[in-house]
């Protein structure tokens, strides 16, 4: 897998998590711990994308 395709895949996962977080924030029944876990995953992906981009 090339670096550019790997970055593209990471960006897709990050975008998917963004949508999940937004959906979870609109849902009153969503667990705060799950929301925090999603946000942490999203942040880790963002950091990985930034690290590989430089």
PDB file of N, CA and C in Angstrom:
ATOM      1  N   UNK A   1       0.853  -1.169   0.000  1.00  0.00           N
ATOM      2  CA  UNK A   1       0.000   0.000   0.000  1.00  0.00           C
ATOM      3  C   UNK A   1       0.903   1.237   0.000  1.00  0.00           C
ATOM      4  N   UNK A   2       0.657   2.132  -0.913  1.00  0.00           N
ATOM      5  CA  UNK A   2       1.455   3.353  -0.986  1.00  0.00           C
ATOM      6  C   UNK A   2       1.039   4.323   0.121  1.00  0.00           C
ATOM      7  N   UNK A   3       1.913   5.271   0.374  1.00  0.00           N
ATOM      8  CA  UNK A   3       1.640   6.251   1.417  1.00  0.00           C
ATOM      9  C   UNK A   3       0.395   7.067   1.087  1.00  0.00           C
ATOM     10  N   UNK A   4       0.252   7.470  -0.158  1.00  0.00           N
ATOM     11  CA  UNK A   4      -0.914   8.290  -0.526  1.00  0.00           C
ATOM     12  C   UNK A   4      -2.217   7.511  -0.372  1.00  0.00           C
ATOM     13  N   UNK A   5      -2.231   6.248  -0.722  1.00  0.00           N
ATOM     14  CA  UNK A   5      -3.459   5.465  -0.557  1.00  0.00           C
ATOM     15  C   UNK A   5      -3.743   5.204   0.923  1.00  0.00           C
ATOM     16  N   UNK A   6      -2.687   5.043   1.696  1.00  0.00           N
ATOM     17  CA  UNK A   6      -2.858   4.861   3.143  1.00  0.00           C
ATOM     18  C   UNK A   6      -3.443   6.136   3.760  1.00  0.00           C
ATOM     19  N   UNK A   7      -2.915   7.283   3.374  1.00  0.00           N
ATOM     20  CA  UNK A   7      -3.446   8.559   3.869  1.00  0.00           C
ATOM     21  C   UNK A   7      -4.892   8.742   3.452  1.00  0.00           C
ATOM     22  N   UNK A   8      -5.202   8.378   2.243  1.00  0.00           N
ATOM     23  CA  UNK A   8      -6.580   8.496   1.754  1.00  0.00           C
ATOM     24  C   UNK A   8      -7.518   7.632   2.591  1.00  0.00           C
ATOM     25  N   UNK A   9      -7.091   6.433   2.901  1.00  0.00           N
ATOM     26  CA  UNK A   9      -7.907   5.527   3.717  1.00  0.00           C
ATOM     27  C   UNK A   9      -8.089   6.091   5.132  1.00  0.00           C
ATOM     28  N   UNK A  10      -7.023   6.652   5.699  1.00  0.00           N
ATOM     29  CA  UNK A  10      -7.122   7.264   7.028  1.00  0.00           C
ATOM     30  C   UNK A  10      -8.088   8.442   7.008  1.00  0.00           C
ATOM     31  N   UNK A  11      -8.042   9.231   5.952  1.00  0.00           N
ATOM     32  CA  UNK A  11      -8.955  10.380   5.840  1.00  0.00           C
ATOM     33  C   UNK A  11     -10.410   9.919   5.734  1.00  0.00           C
ATOM     34  N   UNK A  12     -10.638   8.827   5.024  1.00  0.00           N
ATOM     35  CA  UNK A  12     -11.993   8.276   4.917  1.00  0.00           C
ATOM     36  C   UNK A  12     -12.493   7.839   6.292  1.00  0.00           C
ATOM     37  N   UNK A  13     -11.635   7.157   7.038  1.00  0.00           N
ATOM     38  CA  UNK A  13     -12.007   6.701   8.375  1.00  0.00           C
ATOM     39  C   UNK A  13     -12.280   7.895   9.286  1.00  0.00           C
ATOM     40  N   UNK A  14     -11.466   8.937   9.167  1.00  0.00           N
ATOM     41  CA  UNK A  14     -11.645  10.142   9.975  1.00  0.00           C
ATOM     42  C   UNK A  14     -12.984  10.795   9.651  1.00  0.00           C
ATOM     43  N   UNK A  15     -13.313  10.894   8.381  1.00  0.00           N
ATOM     44  CA  UNK A  15     -14.589  11.487   7.961  1.00  0.00           C
ATOM     45  C   UNK A  15     -15.764  10.655   8.476  1.00  0.00           C
ATOM     46  N   UNK A  16     -15.636   9.343   8.393  1.00  0.00           N
ATOM     47  CA  UNK A  16     -16.689   8.454   8.896  1.00  0.00           C
ATOM     48  C   UNK A  16     -16.897   8.664  10.403  1.00  0.00           C
ATOM     49  N   UNK A  17     -15.786   8.764  11.150  1.00  0.00           N
ATOM     50  CA  UNK A  17     -15.898   8.998  12.587  1.00  0.00           C
ATOM     51  C   UNK A  17     -16.507  10.360  12.871  1.00  0.00           C
ATOM     52  N   UNK A  18     -16.195  11.352  12.049  1.00  0.00           N
ATOM     53  CA  UNK A  18     -16.796  12.679  12.221  1.00  0.00           C
ATOM     54  C   UNK A  18     -18.309  12.602  12.114  1.00  0.00           C
ATOM     55  N   UNK A  19     -18.771  11.864  11.135  1.00  0.00           N
ATOM     56  CA  UNK A  19     -20.223  11.704  10.960  1.00  0.00           C
ATOM     57  C   UNK A  19     -20.828  10.962  12.142  1.00  0.00           C
ATOM     58  N   UNK A  20     -20.132   9.928  12.633  1.00  0.00           N
ATOM     59  CA  UNK A  20     -20.631   9.175  13.786  1.00  0.00           C
ATOM     60  C   UNK A  20     -20.721  10.060  15.024  1.00  0.00           C
ATOM     61  N   UNK A  21     -19.705  10.897  15.237  1.00  0.00           N
ATOM     62  CA  UNK A  21     -19.692  11.787  16.394  1.00  0.00           C
ATOM     63  C   UNK A  21     -20.847  12.782  16.297  1.00  0.00           C
ATOM     64  N   UNK A  22     -21.039  13.369  15.127  1.00  0.00           N
ATOM     65  CA  UNK A  22     -22.138  14.314  14.948  1.00  0.00           C
ATOM     66  C   UNK A  22     -23.487  13.657  15.209  1.00  0.00           C
ATOM     67  N   UNK A  23     -23.650  12.458  14.687  1.00  0.00           N
ATOM     68  CA  UNK A  23     -24.904  11.725  14.893  1.00  0.00           C
ATOM     69  C   UNK A  23     -25.105  11.406  16.370  1.00  0.00           C
ATOM     70  N   UNK A  24     -24.045  10.995  17.037  1.00  0.00           N
ATOM     71  CA  UNK A  24     -24.126  10.646  18.450  1.00  0.00           C
ATOM     72  C   UNK A  24     -24.472  11.864  19.299  1.00  0.00           C
ATOM     73  N   UNK A  25     -23.940  13.021  18.935  1.00  0.00           N
ATOM     74  CA  UNK A  25     -24.215  14.227  19.701  1.00  0.00           C
ATOM     75  C   UNK A  25     -25.673  14.654  19.569  1.00  0.00           C
ATOM     76  N   UNK A  26     -26.301  14.310  18.464  1.00  0.00           N
ATOM     77  CA  UNK A  26     -27.712  14.657  18.266  1.00  0.00           C
ATOM     78  C   UNK A  26     -28.646  13.656  18.947  1.00  0.00           C
ATOM     79  N   UNK A  27     -28.134  12.498  19.297  1.00  0.00           N
ATOM     80  CA  UNK A  27     -28.957  11.457  19.897  1.00  0.00           C
ATOM     81  C   UNK A  27     -28.872  11.521  21.426  1.00  0.00           C
ATOM     82  N   UNK A  28     -29.978  11.816  22.085  1.00  0.00           N
ATOM     83  CA  UNK A  28     -29.940  11.907  23.555  1.00  0.00           C
ATOM     84  C   UNK A  28     -29.689  10.557  24.236  1.00  0.00           C
ATOM     85  N   UNK A  29     -29.951   9.479  23.541  1.00  0.00           N
ATOM     86  CA  UNK A  29     -29.783   8.153  24.143  1.00  0.00           C
ATOM     87  C   UNK A  29     -28.345   7.636  24.030  1.00  0.00           C
ATOM     88  N   UNK A  30     -27.474   8.381  23.348  1.00  0.00           N
ATOM     89  CA  UNK A  30     -26.110   7.900  23.134  1.00  0.00           C
ATOM     90  C   UNK A  30     -25.289   8.064  24.410  1.00  0.00           C
ATOM     91  N   UNK A  31     -24.506   7.068  24.724  1.00  0.00           N
ATOM     92  CA  UNK A  31     -23.695   7.034  25.932  1.00  0.00           C
ATOM     93  C   UNK A  31     -22.499   7.989  25.814  1.00  0.00           C
ATOM     94  N   UNK A  32     -22.275   8.792  26.844  1.00  0.00           N
ATOM     95  CA  UNK A  32     -21.163   9.746  26.844  1.00  0.00           C
ATOM     96  C   UNK A  32     -19.807   9.051  26.747  1.00  0.00           C
ATOM     97  N   UNK A  33     -19.680   7.881  27.342  1.00  0.00           N
ATOM     98  CA  UNK A  33     -18.412   7.152  27.271  1.00  0.00           C
ATOM     99  C   UNK A  33     -18.127   6.699  25.839  1.00  0.00           C
ATOM    100  N   UNK A  34     -19.153   6.270  25.140  1.00  0.00           N
ATOM    101  CA  UNK A  34     -18.978   5.874  23.739  1.00  0.00           C
ATOM    102  C   UNK A  34     -18.607   7.083  22.893  1.00  0.00           C
ATOM    103  N   UNK A  35     -19.231   8.217  23.162  1.00  0.00           N
ATOM    104  CA  UNK A  35     -18.939   9.436  22.435  1.00  0.00           C
ATOM    105  C   UNK A  35     -17.480   9.847  22.666  1.00  0.00           C
ATOM    106  N   UNK A  36     -17.034   9.768  23.894  1.00  0.00           N
ATOM    107  CA  UNK A  36     -15.640  10.095  24.217  1.00  0.00           C
ATOM    108  C   UNK A  36     -14.686   9.156  23.491  1.00  0.00           C
ATOM    109  N   UNK A  37     -15.014   7.882  23.431  1.00  0.00           N
ATOM    110  CA  UNK A  37     -14.171   6.909  22.735  1.00  0.00           C
ATOM    111  C   UNK A  37     -14.099   7.223  21.242  1.00  0.00           C
ATOM    112  N   UNK A  38     -15.231   7.596  20.642  1.00  0.00           N
ATOM    113  CA  UNK A  38     -15.237   7.965  19.227  1.00  0.00           C
ATOM    114  C   UNK A  38     -14.362   9.191  18.976  1.00  0.00           C
ATOM    115  N   UNK A  39     -14.459  10.159  19.859  1.00  0.00           N
ATOM    116  CA  UNK A  39     -13.665  11.378  19.716  1.00  0.00           C
ATOM    117  C   UNK A  39     -12.172  11.080  19.837  1.00  0.00           C
ATOM    118  N   UNK A  40     -11.812  10.163  20.738  1.00  0.00           N
ATOM    119  CA  UNK A  40     -10.405   9.790  20.896  1.00  0.00           C
ATOM    120  C   UNK A  40      -9.892   9.080  19.648  1.00  0.00           C
ATOM    121  N   UNK A  41     -10.708   8.190  19.081  1.00  0.00           N
ATOM    122  CA  UNK A  41     -10.322   7.504  17.847  1.00  0.00           C
ATOM    123  C   UNK A  41     -10.114   8.509  16.728  1.00  0.00           C
ATOM    124  N   UNK A  42     -11.016   9.462  16.642  1.00  0.00           N
ATOM    125  CA  UNK A  42     -10.939  10.495  15.610  1.00  0.00           C
ATOM    126  C   UNK A  42      -9.662  11.313  15.776  1.00  0.00           C
ATOM    127  N   UNK A  43      -9.334  11.686  17.001  1.00  0.00           N
ATOM    128  CA  UNK A  43      -8.128  12.460  17.267  1.00  0.00           C
ATOM    129  C   UNK A  43      -6.870  11.664  16.909  1.00  0.00           C
ATOM    130  N   UNK A  44      -6.853  10.382  17.247  1.00  0.00           N
ATOM    131  CA  UNK A  44      -5.693   9.551  16.912  1.00  0.00           C
ATOM    132  C   UNK A  44      -5.503   9.462  15.405  1.00  0.00           C
ATOM    133  N   UNK A  45      -6.606   9.318  14.673  1.00  0.00           N
ATOM    134  CA  UNK A  45      -6.517   9.287  13.217  1.00  0.00           C
ATOM    135  C   UNK A  45      -5.990  10.613  12.677  1.00  0.00           C
ATOM    136  N   UNK A  46      -6.479  11.704  13.222  1.00  0.00           N
ATOM    137  CA  UNK A  46      -6.029  13.027  12.774  1.00  0.00           C
ATOM    138  C   UNK A  46      -4.527  13.188  13.011  1.00  0.00           C
ATOM    139  N   UNK A  47      -4.076  12.778  14.190  1.00  0.00           N
ATOM    140  CA  UNK A  47      -2.647  12.872  14.504  1.00  0.00           C
ATOM    141  C   UNK A  47      -1.813  11.999  13.564  1.00  0.00           C
ATOM    142  N   UNK A  48      -2.299  10.817  13.258  1.00  0.00           N
ATOM    143  CA  UNK A  48      -1.598   9.913  12.340  1.00  0.00           C
ATOM    144  C   UNK A  48      -1.531  10.515  10.938  1.00  0.00           C
ATOM    145  N   UNK A  49      -2.635  11.108  10.490  1.00  0.00           N
ATOM    146  CA  UNK A  49      -2.672  11.751   9.173  1.00  0.00           C
ATOM    147  C   UNK A  49      -1.662  12.887   9.124  1.00  0.00           C
ATOM    148  N   UNK A  50      -1.635  13.715  10.158  1.00  0.00           N
ATOM    149  CA  UNK A  50      -0.698  14.838  10.208  1.00  0.00           C
ATOM    150  C   UNK A  50       0.746  14.351  10.236  1.00  0.00           C
ATOM    151  N   UNK A  51       0.999  13.309  11.010  1.00  0.00           N
ATOM    152  CA  UNK A  51       2.352  12.770  11.111  1.00  0.00           C
ATOM    153  C   UNK A  51       2.842  12.243   9.775  1.00  0.00           C
ATOM    154  N   UNK A  52       1.980  11.531   9.078  1.00  0.00           N
ATOM    155  CA  UNK A  52       2.376  10.951   7.791  1.00  0.00           C
ATOM    156  C   UNK A  52       2.427  11.988   6.668  1.00  0.00           C
ATOM    157  N   UNK A  53       1.700  13.075   6.836  1.00  0.00           N
ATOM    158  CA  UNK A  53       1.673  14.108   5.803  1.00  0.00           C
ATOM    159  C   UNK A  53       2.944  14.953   5.779  1.00  0.00           C
ATOM    160  N   UNK A  54       3.655  14.974   6.891  1.00  0.00           N
ATOM    161  CA  UNK A  54       4.835  15.849   6.964  1.00  0.00           C
ATOM    162  C   UNK A  54       6.105  15.114   6.721  1.00  0.00           C
TER     163      UNK A  54
END
